[in-house]
Amino acid sequence: MEPHTLAVAAAGTSTTGWVVGYTIGIVIVLVVVALVVPILLLARSIGDEAPKINDALSEAVDNTAPLGALRTTIEHATIIIGGLQRGRARLGG
C-alpha cells in the first residue's frame, strides 16, 4: 500500500472512534438529564408545599400550647379531690 492510503485508512478508524465516543457521551448526558429533571421537579413541588406545612405546624404549636399547663391542672385537681374526700369523710360519708 502507498503511504497516502495508510494515512486515509488510519484517519477513518480514528474518526469512527471519535463518533462512537461522542455518541456515548451524548447518551450519558441524556440519561443524567432524564434522571435529574424529575428530582428537580419533585424538589420544586416540595418547596411549594413547605410554607403550607410550616403554617400548619405553627398552628399546631399554638393549639397545643395549653397542654403544657395540663400537669398543673392535674396537680390542682388532685388537691381538690383530696380535699373533697377529707370533707366527705368528716361528714361521715
N, C-alpha and C. Protein backbone atom coordinates (compact mmCIF):
# COMPACT_ATOMS: atom_id res chain seq x y z
N MET A 1 0.83 -1.18 0.00
CA MET A 1 0.00 0.00 0.00
C MET A 1 0.87 1.24 0.00
N GLU A 2 0.30 2.27 -0.54
CA GLU A 2 1.01 3.53 -0.57
C GLU A 2 0.88 4.20 0.80
N PRO A 3 1.81 5.04 1.17
CA PRO A 3 1.72 5.73 2.46
C PRO A 3 0.47 6.59 2.57
N HIS A 4 0.03 7.17 1.46
CA HIS A 4 -1.16 8.02 1.48
C HIS A 4 -2.40 7.18 1.82
N THR A 5 -2.50 5.97 1.31
CA THR A 5 -3.63 5.08 1.55
C THR A 5 -3.66 4.66 3.01
N LEU A 6 -2.50 4.39 3.59
CA LEU A 6 -2.43 4.03 5.01
C LEU A 6 -2.90 5.18 5.89
N ALA A 7 -2.55 6.39 5.57
CA ALA A 7 -2.96 7.55 6.36
C ALA A 7 -4.47 7.74 6.30
N VAL A 8 -5.07 7.54 5.13
CA VAL A 8 -6.52 7.68 4.99
C VAL A 8 -7.22 6.59 5.79
N ALA A 9 -6.72 5.35 5.74
CA ALA A 9 -7.31 4.24 6.50
C ALA A 9 -7.20 4.51 7.99
N ALA A 10 -6.08 5.00 8.44
CA ALA A 10 -5.89 5.32 9.87
C ALA A 10 -6.80 6.47 10.27
N ALA A 11 -6.96 7.45 9.41
CA ALA A 11 -7.82 8.59 9.72
C ALA A 11 -9.27 8.14 9.81
N GLY A 12 -9.70 7.22 8.99
CA GLY A 12 -11.07 6.70 9.03
C GLY A 12 -11.34 5.98 10.33
N THR A 13 -10.42 5.20 10.82
CA THR A 13 -10.56 4.49 12.08
C THR A 13 -10.60 5.48 13.23
N SER A 14 -9.76 6.49 13.18
CA SER A 14 -9.72 7.50 14.24
C SER A 14 -11.03 8.28 14.30
N THR A 15 -11.60 8.60 13.15
CA THR A 15 -12.87 9.33 13.11
C THR A 15 -13.99 8.47 13.68
N THR A 16 -13.99 7.21 13.39
CA THR A 16 -15.01 6.30 13.92
C THR A 16 -14.95 6.27 15.45
N GLY A 17 -13.78 6.26 15.99
CA GLY A 17 -13.61 6.28 17.45
C GLY A 17 -14.19 7.54 18.06
N TRP A 18 -13.93 8.68 17.40
CA TRP A 18 -14.48 9.94 17.90
C TRP A 18 -16.01 9.94 17.85
N VAL A 19 -16.55 9.43 16.76
CA VAL A 19 -18.01 9.39 16.62
C VAL A 19 -18.62 8.51 17.71
N VAL A 20 -18.03 7.37 17.94
CA VAL A 20 -18.52 6.47 19.00
C VAL A 20 -18.39 7.14 20.36
N GLY A 21 -17.28 7.80 20.59
CA GLY A 21 -17.08 8.49 21.87
C GLY A 21 -18.09 9.60 22.09
N TYR A 22 -18.32 10.42 21.07
CA TYR A 22 -19.31 11.48 21.18
C TYR A 22 -20.71 10.91 21.39
N THR A 23 -21.02 9.83 20.68
CA THR A 23 -22.34 9.21 20.82
C THR A 23 -22.55 8.70 22.24
N ILE A 24 -21.57 8.02 22.78
CA ILE A 24 -21.65 7.52 24.15
C ILE A 24 -21.77 8.69 25.13
N GLY A 25 -21.00 9.75 24.89
CA GLY A 25 -21.06 10.93 25.76
C GLY A 25 -22.44 11.57 25.75
N ILE A 26 -23.02 11.71 24.57
CA ILE A 26 -24.36 12.30 24.45
C ILE A 26 -25.39 11.43 25.14
N VAL A 27 -25.30 10.12 24.98
CA VAL A 27 -26.24 9.20 25.63
C VAL A 27 -26.14 9.32 27.15
N ILE A 28 -24.92 9.41 27.66
CA ILE A 28 -24.73 9.54 29.11
C ILE A 28 -25.33 10.86 29.61
N VAL A 29 -25.11 11.94 28.88
CA VAL A 29 -25.67 13.23 29.28
C VAL A 29 -27.19 13.17 29.27
N LEU A 30 -27.78 12.56 28.26
CA LEU A 30 -29.24 12.45 28.19
C LEU A 30 -29.79 11.61 29.34
N VAL A 31 -29.10 10.54 29.70
CA VAL A 31 -29.54 9.70 30.83
C VAL A 31 -29.48 10.50 32.12
N VAL A 32 -28.41 11.24 32.32
CA VAL A 32 -28.28 12.06 33.54
C VAL A 32 -29.39 13.11 33.60
N VAL A 33 -29.65 13.76 32.48
CA VAL A 33 -30.72 14.76 32.44
C VAL A 33 -32.06 14.11 32.74
N ALA A 34 -32.29 12.92 32.16
CA ALA A 34 -33.55 12.22 32.40
C ALA A 34 -33.72 11.83 33.86
N LEU A 35 -32.63 11.60 34.57
CA LEU A 35 -32.71 11.26 35.99
C LEU A 35 -32.80 12.50 36.88
N VAL A 36 -32.17 13.58 36.50
CA VAL A 36 -32.11 14.77 37.35
C VAL A 36 -33.38 15.61 37.23
N VAL A 37 -33.97 15.69 36.05
CA VAL A 37 -35.16 16.54 35.86
C VAL A 37 -36.31 16.14 36.79
N PRO A 38 -36.67 14.85 36.91
CA PRO A 38 -37.74 14.51 37.86
C PRO A 38 -37.39 14.86 39.30
N ILE A 39 -36.14 14.72 39.67
CA ILE A 39 -35.73 15.08 41.03
C ILE A 39 -35.91 16.58 41.25
N LEU A 40 -35.54 17.37 40.27
CA LEU A 40 -35.70 18.82 40.40
C LEU A 40 -37.18 19.21 40.44
N LEU A 41 -38.01 18.56 39.66
CA LEU A 41 -39.44 18.84 39.69
C LEU A 41 -40.05 18.47 41.03
N LEU A 42 -39.63 17.34 41.59
CA LEU A 42 -40.12 16.93 42.91
C LEU A 42 -39.65 17.92 43.98
N ALA A 43 -38.41 18.35 43.90
CA ALA A 43 -37.89 19.32 44.86
C ALA A 43 -38.67 20.63 44.77
N ARG A 44 -39.03 21.02 43.56
CA ARG A 44 -39.81 22.26 43.40
C ARG A 44 -41.19 22.12 44.03
N SER A 45 -41.84 20.96 43.83
CA SER A 45 -43.17 20.78 44.41
C SER A 45 -43.10 20.73 45.94
N ILE A 46 -42.05 20.13 46.47
CA ILE A 46 -41.86 20.12 47.93
C ILE A 46 -41.63 21.55 48.42
N GLY A 47 -40.83 22.32 47.69
CA GLY A 47 -40.59 23.71 48.06
C GLY A 47 -41.86 24.54 48.03
N ASP A 48 -42.75 24.23 47.07
CA ASP A 48 -44.02 24.96 47.00
C ASP A 48 -44.92 24.62 48.19
N GLU A 49 -44.84 23.40 48.68
CA GLU A 49 -45.68 22.96 49.80
C GLU A 49 -45.10 23.34 51.16
N ALA A 50 -43.83 23.65 51.22
CA ALA A 50 -43.16 23.93 52.50
C ALA A 50 -43.83 25.05 53.30
N PRO A 51 -44.20 26.18 52.70
CA PRO A 51 -44.85 27.22 53.50
C PRO A 51 -46.17 26.75 54.11
N LYS A 52 -46.93 25.95 53.37
CA LYS A 52 -48.20 25.43 53.90
C LYS A 52 -47.94 24.51 55.09
N ILE A 53 -46.93 23.67 54.96
CA ILE A 53 -46.58 22.75 56.05
C ILE A 53 -46.13 23.55 57.27
N ASN A 54 -45.31 24.56 57.05
CA ASN A 54 -44.81 25.38 58.16
C ASN A 54 -45.96 26.10 58.85
N ASP A 55 -46.91 26.62 58.09
CA ASP A 55 -48.07 27.29 58.69
C ASP A 55 -48.90 26.32 59.53
N ALA A 56 -49.09 25.10 59.02
CA ALA A 56 -49.86 24.10 59.76
C ALA A 56 -49.15 23.72 61.05
N LEU A 57 -47.83 23.58 60.99
CA LEU A 57 -47.07 23.25 62.20
C LEU A 57 -47.12 24.39 63.22
N SER A 58 -47.04 25.62 62.75
CA SER A 58 -47.14 26.77 63.66
C SER A 58 -48.51 26.80 64.32
N GLU A 59 -49.54 26.50 63.56
CA GLU A 59 -50.89 26.46 64.13
C GLU A 59 -51.01 25.34 65.16
N ALA A 60 -50.37 24.19 64.87
CA ALA A 60 -50.41 23.08 65.82
C ALA A 60 -49.70 23.46 67.12
N VAL A 61 -48.61 24.20 67.02
CA VAL A 61 -47.90 24.65 68.22
C VAL A 61 -48.80 25.56 69.05
N ASP A 62 -49.48 26.48 68.38
CA ASP A 62 -50.38 27.40 69.09
C ASP A 62 -51.54 26.64 69.73
N ASN A 63 -52.09 25.66 69.00
CA ASN A 63 -53.25 24.92 69.51
C ASN A 63 -52.89 23.97 70.65
N THR A 64 -51.67 23.51 70.71
CA THR A 64 -51.29 22.55 71.75
C THR A 64 -50.53 23.20 72.90
N ALA A 65 -50.27 24.49 72.82
CA ALA A 65 -49.54 25.19 73.89
C ALA A 65 -50.21 25.03 75.25
N PRO A 66 -51.55 25.08 75.35
CA PRO A 66 -52.18 24.92 76.67
C PRO A 66 -51.91 23.55 77.31
N LEU A 67 -51.54 22.57 76.52
CA LEU A 67 -51.25 21.25 77.10
C LEU A 67 -50.05 21.30 78.04
N GLY A 68 -49.22 22.31 77.88
CA GLY A 68 -48.08 22.47 78.78
C GLY A 68 -48.52 22.71 80.22
N ALA A 69 -49.68 23.32 80.39
CA ALA A 69 -50.21 23.61 81.72
C ALA A 69 -51.06 22.46 82.26
N LEU A 70 -51.19 21.39 81.52
CA LEU A 70 -52.04 20.27 81.93
C LEU A 70 -51.54 19.64 83.23
N ARG A 71 -50.24 19.54 83.39
CA ARG A 71 -49.70 18.94 84.63
C ARG A 71 -50.13 19.77 85.84
N THR A 72 -50.07 21.09 85.71
CA THR A 72 -50.51 21.97 86.81
C THR A 72 -51.99 21.75 87.10
N THR A 73 -52.79 21.63 86.05
CA THR A 73 -54.23 21.39 86.22
C THR A 73 -54.47 20.07 86.94
N ILE A 74 -53.73 19.04 86.57
CA ILE A 74 -53.87 17.73 87.22
C ILE A 74 -53.48 17.83 88.69
N GLU A 75 -52.40 18.54 88.99
CA GLU A 75 -51.97 18.69 90.38
C GLU A 75 -53.04 19.40 91.20
N HIS A 76 -53.61 20.46 90.65
CA HIS A 76 -54.67 21.19 91.37
C HIS A 76 -55.92 20.33 91.53
N ALA A 77 -56.27 19.58 90.51
CA ALA A 77 -57.44 18.70 90.59
C ALA A 77 -57.22 17.62 91.65
N THR A 78 -56.00 17.11 91.75
CA THR A 78 -55.69 16.09 92.76
C THR A 78 -55.84 16.68 94.16
N ILE A 79 -55.38 17.90 94.35
CA ILE A 79 -55.51 18.56 95.66
C ILE A 79 -56.99 18.77 95.98
N ILE A 80 -57.77 19.22 94.99
CA ILE A 80 -59.20 19.45 95.21
C ILE A 80 -59.91 18.14 95.55
N ILE A 81 -59.58 17.06 94.83
CA ILE A 81 -60.21 15.76 95.09
C ILE A 81 -59.86 15.28 96.50
N GLY A 82 -58.58 15.48 96.88
CA GLY A 82 -58.18 15.10 98.23
C GLY A 82 -58.97 15.87 99.28
N GLY A 83 -59.17 17.16 99.07
CA GLY A 83 -59.96 17.98 100.00
C GLY A 83 -61.41 17.52 100.05
N LEU A 84 -61.97 17.20 98.90
CA LEU A 84 -63.36 16.71 98.88
C LEU A 84 -63.49 15.38 99.61
N GLN A 85 -62.50 14.50 99.45
CA GLN A 85 -62.55 13.21 100.14
C GLN A 85 -62.43 13.39 101.65
N ARG A 86 -61.58 14.31 102.08
CA ARG A 86 -61.48 14.58 103.53
C ARG A 86 -62.79 15.17 104.06
N GLY A 87 -63.36 16.09 103.32
CA GLY A 87 -64.63 16.69 103.76
C GLY A 87 -65.74 15.64 103.83
N ARG A 88 -65.78 14.75 102.88
CA ARG A 88 -66.79 13.70 102.90
C ARG A 88 -66.60 12.78 104.08
N ALA A 89 -65.32 12.45 104.36
CA ALA A 89 -65.02 11.57 105.47
C ALA A 89 -65.43 12.24 106.80
N ARG A 90 -65.24 13.54 106.94
CA ARG A 90 -65.61 14.25 108.16
C ARG A 90 -67.13 14.31 108.35
N LEU A 91 -67.81 14.35 107.21
CA LEU A 91 -69.26 14.40 107.29
C LEU A 91 -69.86 13.00 107.49
N GLY A 92 -68.99 12.01 107.45
CA GLY A 92 -69.46 10.64 107.71
C GLY A 92 -69.91 9.93 106.45
N GLY A 93 -69.49 10.40 105.31
CA GLY A 93 -69.96 9.81 104.07
C GLY A 93 -68.97 8.97 103.45
